[in-house]
Structures are given as structure tokens and as C-alpha cells.
C-alpha atoms as a PDB file:
ATOM      1  CA  UNK A   1      -4.503   6.479  -9.897  1.00  0.00           C
ATOM      2  CA  UNK A   2      -3.460   3.589  -7.590  1.00  0.00           C
ATOM      3  CA  UNK A   3      -2.820   4.871  -4.137  1.00  0.00           C
ATOM      4  CA  UNK A   4      -1.144   2.960  -1.367  1.00  0.00           C
ATOM      5  CA  UNK A   5      -0.988   4.365   2.129  1.00  0.00           C
ATOM      6  CA  UNK A   6       1.172   2.397   4.520  1.00  0.00           C
ATOM      7  CA  UNK A   7       1.235   2.996   8.257  1.00  0.00           C
ATOM      8  CA  UNK A   8       3.489   0.904  10.492  1.00  0.00           C
ATOM      9  CA  UNK A   9       4.962   1.038  13.997  1.00  0.00           C
ATOM     10  CA  UNK A  10       8.269  -0.213  12.612  1.00  0.00           C
ATOM     11  CA  UNK A  11      11.162   2.247  12.345  1.00  0.00           C
ATOM     12  CA  UNK A  12      12.182   2.615   8.733  1.00  0.00           C
ATOM     13  CA  UNK A  13      15.634   4.109   8.308  1.00  0.00           C
ATOM     14  CA  UNK A  14      15.782   7.232   6.210  1.00  0.00           C
ATOM     15  CA  UNK A  15      18.211   5.578   3.704  1.00  0.00           C
ATOM     16  CA  UNK A  16      15.720   2.644   3.294  1.00  0.00           C
ATOM     17  CA  UNK A  17      12.620   4.779   2.628  1.00  0.00           C
ATOM     18  CA  UNK A  18      13.239   5.638  -1.015  1.00  0.00           C
ATOM     19  CA  UNK A  19      13.937   2.028  -1.960  1.00  0.00           C
ATOM     20  CA  UNK A  20      10.943   0.755  -0.058  1.00  0.00           C
ATOM     21  CA  UNK A  21       8.645   3.358  -1.634  1.00  0.00           C
ATOM     22  CA  UNK A  22       9.962   2.402  -5.099  1.00  0.00           C
ATOM     23  CA  UNK A  23       9.295  -1.322  -4.419  1.00  0.00           C
ATOM     24  CA  UNK A  24       5.755  -0.620  -3.337  1.00  0.00           C
ATOM     25  CA  UNK A  25       5.256   1.705  -6.327  1.00  0.00           C
ATOM     26  CA  UNK A  26       6.479  -1.012  -8.795  1.00  0.00           C
ATOM     27  CA  UNK A  27       4.398  -3.618  -7.141  1.00  0.00           C
ATOM     28  CA  UNK A  28       1.212  -1.514  -7.343  1.00  0.00           C
ATOM     29  CA  UNK A  29       1.809  -0.711 -11.017  1.00  0.00           C
ATOM     30  CA  UNK A  30       2.476  -4.257 -11.868  1.00  0.00           C
ATOM     31  CA  UNK A  31      -0.466  -5.743  -9.912  1.00  0.00           C
ATOM     32  CA  UNK A  32      -3.042  -3.194 -11.023  1.00  0.00           C
ATOM     33  CA  UNK A  33      -1.877  -2.955 -14.605  1.00  0.00           C
ATOM     34  CA  UNK A  34      -1.637   0.805 -14.357  1.00  0.00           C
ATOM     35  CA  UNK A  35       1.331   2.901 -15.440  1.00  0.00           C
ATOM     36  CA  UNK A  36       3.695   3.631 -12.587  1.00  0.00           C
ATOM     37  CA  UNK A  37       3.539   7.282 -13.447  1.00  0.00           C
ATOM     38  CA  UNK A  38       0.069   7.328 -11.835  1.00  0.00           C
ATOM     39  CA  UNK A  39       0.971   5.421  -8.776  1.00  0.00           C
ATOM     40  CA  UNK A  40       1.102   7.265  -5.433  1.00  0.00           C
ATOM     41  CA  UNK A  41       2.706   5.634  -2.377  1.00  0.00           C
ATOM     42  CA  UNK A  42       2.704   7.124   1.105  1.00  0.00           C
ATOM     43  CA  UNK A  43       4.717   5.770   4.067  1.00  0.00           C
ATOM     44  CA  UNK A  44       4.268   6.660   7.706  1.00  0.00           C
ATOM     45  CA  UNK A  45       6.667   4.758   9.990  1.00  0.00           C
ATOM     46  CA  UNK A  46       7.144   4.739  13.713  1.00  0.00           C
ATOM     47  CA  UNK A  47       3.438   5.247  14.336  1.00  0.00           C
ATOM     48  CA  UNK A  48       1.942   4.607  17.715  1.00  0.00           C
ATOM     49  CA  UNK A  49      -0.079   1.497  16.890  1.00  0.00           C
ATOM     50  CA  UNK A  50      -1.445  -1.564  18.718  1.00  0.00           C
ATOM     51  CA  UNK A  51      -2.849  -4.715  17.101  1.00  0.00           C
ATOM     52  CA  UNK A  52      -4.286  -7.689  18.997  1.00  0.00           C
ATOM     53  CA  UNK A  53      -3.161  -6.064  22.243  1.00  0.00           C
ATOM     54  CA  UNK A  54       0.493  -5.876  21.380  1.00  0.00           C
ATOM     55  CA  UNK A  55       2.917  -3.450  19.756  1.00  0.00           C
ATOM     56  CA  UNK A  56       4.790  -6.108  17.892  1.00  0.00           C
ATOM     57  CA  UNK A  57       5.635  -5.098  14.273  1.00  0.00           C
ATOM     58  CA  UNK A  58       2.426  -4.338  12.430  1.00  0.00           C
ATOM     59  CA  UNK A  59       1.047  -2.464   9.445  1.00  0.00           C
ATOM     60  CA  UNK A  60      -2.174  -0.986   8.149  1.00  0.00           C
ATOM     61  CA  UNK A  61      -2.513  -0.290   4.425  1.00  0.00           C
ATOM     62  CA  UNK A  62      -5.137   1.529   2.398  1.00  0.00           C
ATOM     63  CA  UNK A  63      -5.051   0.478  -1.232  1.00  0.00           C
ATOM     64  CA  UNK A  64      -7.282   2.377  -3.658  1.00  0.00           C
ATOM     65  CA  UNK A  65      -7.522   2.296  -7.416  1.00  0.00           C
ATOM     66  CA  UNK A  66      -9.968   2.740 -10.295  1.00  0.00           C
ATOM     67  CA  UNK A  67     -11.238  -0.640 -11.477  1.00  0.00           C
ATOM     68  CA  UNK A  68      -9.807  -2.686  -8.634  1.00  0.00           C
ATOM     69  CA  UNK A  69     -11.198  -6.225  -9.005  1.00  0.00           C
ATOM     70  CA  UNK A  70     -11.673  -9.020  -6.472  1.00  0.00           C
ATOM     71  CA  UNK A  71      -9.103 -11.128  -8.338  1.00  0.00           C
ATOM     72  CA  UNK A  72      -6.597  -8.275  -8.087  1.00  0.00           C
ATOM     73  CA  UNK A  73      -7.010  -7.721  -4.363  1.00  0.00           C
ATOM     74  CA  UNK A  74      -6.405 -11.367  -3.566  1.00  0.00           C
ATOM     75  CA  UNK A  75      -3.057 -11.157  -5.463  1.00  0.00           C
ATOM     76  CA  UNK A  76      -2.295  -7.763  -4.093  1.00  0.00           C
ATOM     77  CA  UNK A  77      -2.876  -8.868  -0.504  1.00  0.00           C
ATOM     78  CA  UNK A  78      -0.384 -11.674  -0.864  1.00  0.00           C
ATOM     79  CA  UNK A  79       2.159  -9.525  -2.651  1.00  0.00           C
ATOM     80  CA  UNK A  80       1.920  -6.661  -0.211  1.00  0.00           C
ATOM     81  CA  UNK A  81       2.241  -8.904   2.781  1.00  0.00           C
ATOM     82  CA  UNK A  82       5.202 -10.676   1.271  1.00  0.00           C
ATOM     83  CA  UNK A  83       7.010  -7.362   0.591  1.00  0.00           C
ATOM     84  CA  UNK A  84       6.229  -6.194   4.220  1.00  0.00           C
ATOM     85  CA  UNK A  85       7.572  -9.403   5.571  1.00  0.00           C
ATOM     86  CA  UNK A  86      10.738  -9.398   3.442  1.00  0.00           C
ATOM     87  CA  UNK A  87      11.595  -5.737   3.945  1.00  0.00           C
ATOM     88  CA  UNK A  88      10.254  -4.916   7.414  1.00  0.00           C
ATOM     89  CA  UNK A  89       9.919  -8.360   9.058  1.00  0.00           C
ATOM     90  CA  UNK A  90       6.224  -7.781   9.647  1.00  0.00           C
ATOM     91  CA  UNK A  91       4.291 -11.111   9.784  1.00  0.00           C
ATOM     92  CA  UNK A  92       1.291 -11.286   7.435  1.00  0.00           C
ATOM     93  CA  UNK A  93      -1.078 -11.969  10.330  1.00  0.00           C
ATOM     94  CA  UNK A  94      -0.059  -8.540  11.692  1.00  0.00           C
ATOM     95  CA  UNK A  95      -1.262  -6.680   8.598  1.00  0.00           C
ATOM     96  CA  UNK A  96      -4.638  -5.201   7.768  1.00  0.00           C
ATOM     97  CA  UNK A  97      -5.322  -3.997   4.257  1.00  0.00           C
ATOM     98  CA  UNK A  98      -8.353  -1.901   3.198  1.00  0.00           C
ATOM     99  CA  UNK A  99      -9.045  -2.142  -0.517  1.00  0.00           C
ATOM    100  CA  UNK A 100     -11.279   0.343  -2.303  1.00  0.00           C
ATOM    101  CA  UNK A 101     -12.391   0.382  -5.984  1.00  0.00           C
ATOM    102  CA  UNK A 102     -12.873   4.108  -6.742  1.00  0.00           C
ATOM    103  CA  UNK A 103     -15.169   5.127  -9.646  1.00  0.00           C
ATOM    104  CA  UNK A 104     -13.178   6.998 -12.307  1.00  0.00           C
ATOM    105  CA  UNK A 105     -15.519  10.054 -12.092  1.00  0.00           C
ATOM    106  CA  UNK A 106     -14.481  10.393  -8.362  1.00  0.00           C
ATOM    107  CA  UNK A 107     -10.769  10.319  -8.874  1.00  0.00           C
ATOM    108  CA  UNK A 108      -9.280  13.704  -9.744  1.00  0.00           C
ATOM    109  CA  UNK A 109      -5.978  14.501 -11.327  1.00  0.00           C
ATOM    110  CA  UNK A 110      -4.505  17.369 -13.299  1.00  0.00           C
ATOM    111  CA  UNK A 111      -7.579  19.605 -12.901  1.00  0.00           C
ATOM    112  CA  UNK A 112     -10.082  17.048 -13.993  1.00  0.00           C
ATOM    113  CA  UNK A 113     -11.149  13.410 -13.226  1.00  0.00           C
ATOM    114  CA  UNK A 114     -10.621  10.150 -14.987  1.00  0.00           C
ATOM    115  CA  UNK A 115     -14.431   9.783 -15.533  1.00  0.00           C
END
């Protein structure tokens, strides 16, 4: 049920995408305590984006999960920014992250919900 949507203006090479997606998937599973088999990660690179008036490398992330706590989002913010910096050279101050705690009854999967 954890979902991470990553948009960036950085070009991510096709050969790098599977590894990067796997790294984000593992990070989400580890930090949320959810099985990786439920983690969904989406990557959109080379997007037309502007932040603080410049097109320097940047990223916007949507991070949603059932039962996402304030303590988890603090740790997730640091871990996500670190991975973005390490893999895509995006400075943490050029990253916005929107966190959402979704009620289990409003998260559907396999013809039902988790509620």
C-alpha cells in the first residue's frame, strides 16, 4: 500500500531506471514497515519543472501509505532526500515531498480495500 510518485526534471538513463526504482521500493518498504510486495513506485523523469525560479535539478514526491506516522515521515524525508542526492545529484533543498496517511478503508487492492 505504500505509494511513491517521483517527478524530476533530471534525465534518468533507461538503464538506471530499474535500479533506481528498486532502491526507492526497498527504502519505502523498510521505512514504512510494510512488505515490499505492496509497494508501488512511479518515476517520471525529464519533466518540465521550475523551482525557486530555476530549472536546476529538482524533484517533487508524493508519498502515501496506510498508517503513515509523523515519526515515519521525518525519517522518510531524510532518507528520500539522501537517495535523490546520491543517485541523481538533487540537493535536498530542491525537493518537495507531500506525505499522506490514507485510511485503510480508502485504499483499494485486489477487488477490495484494506479496511
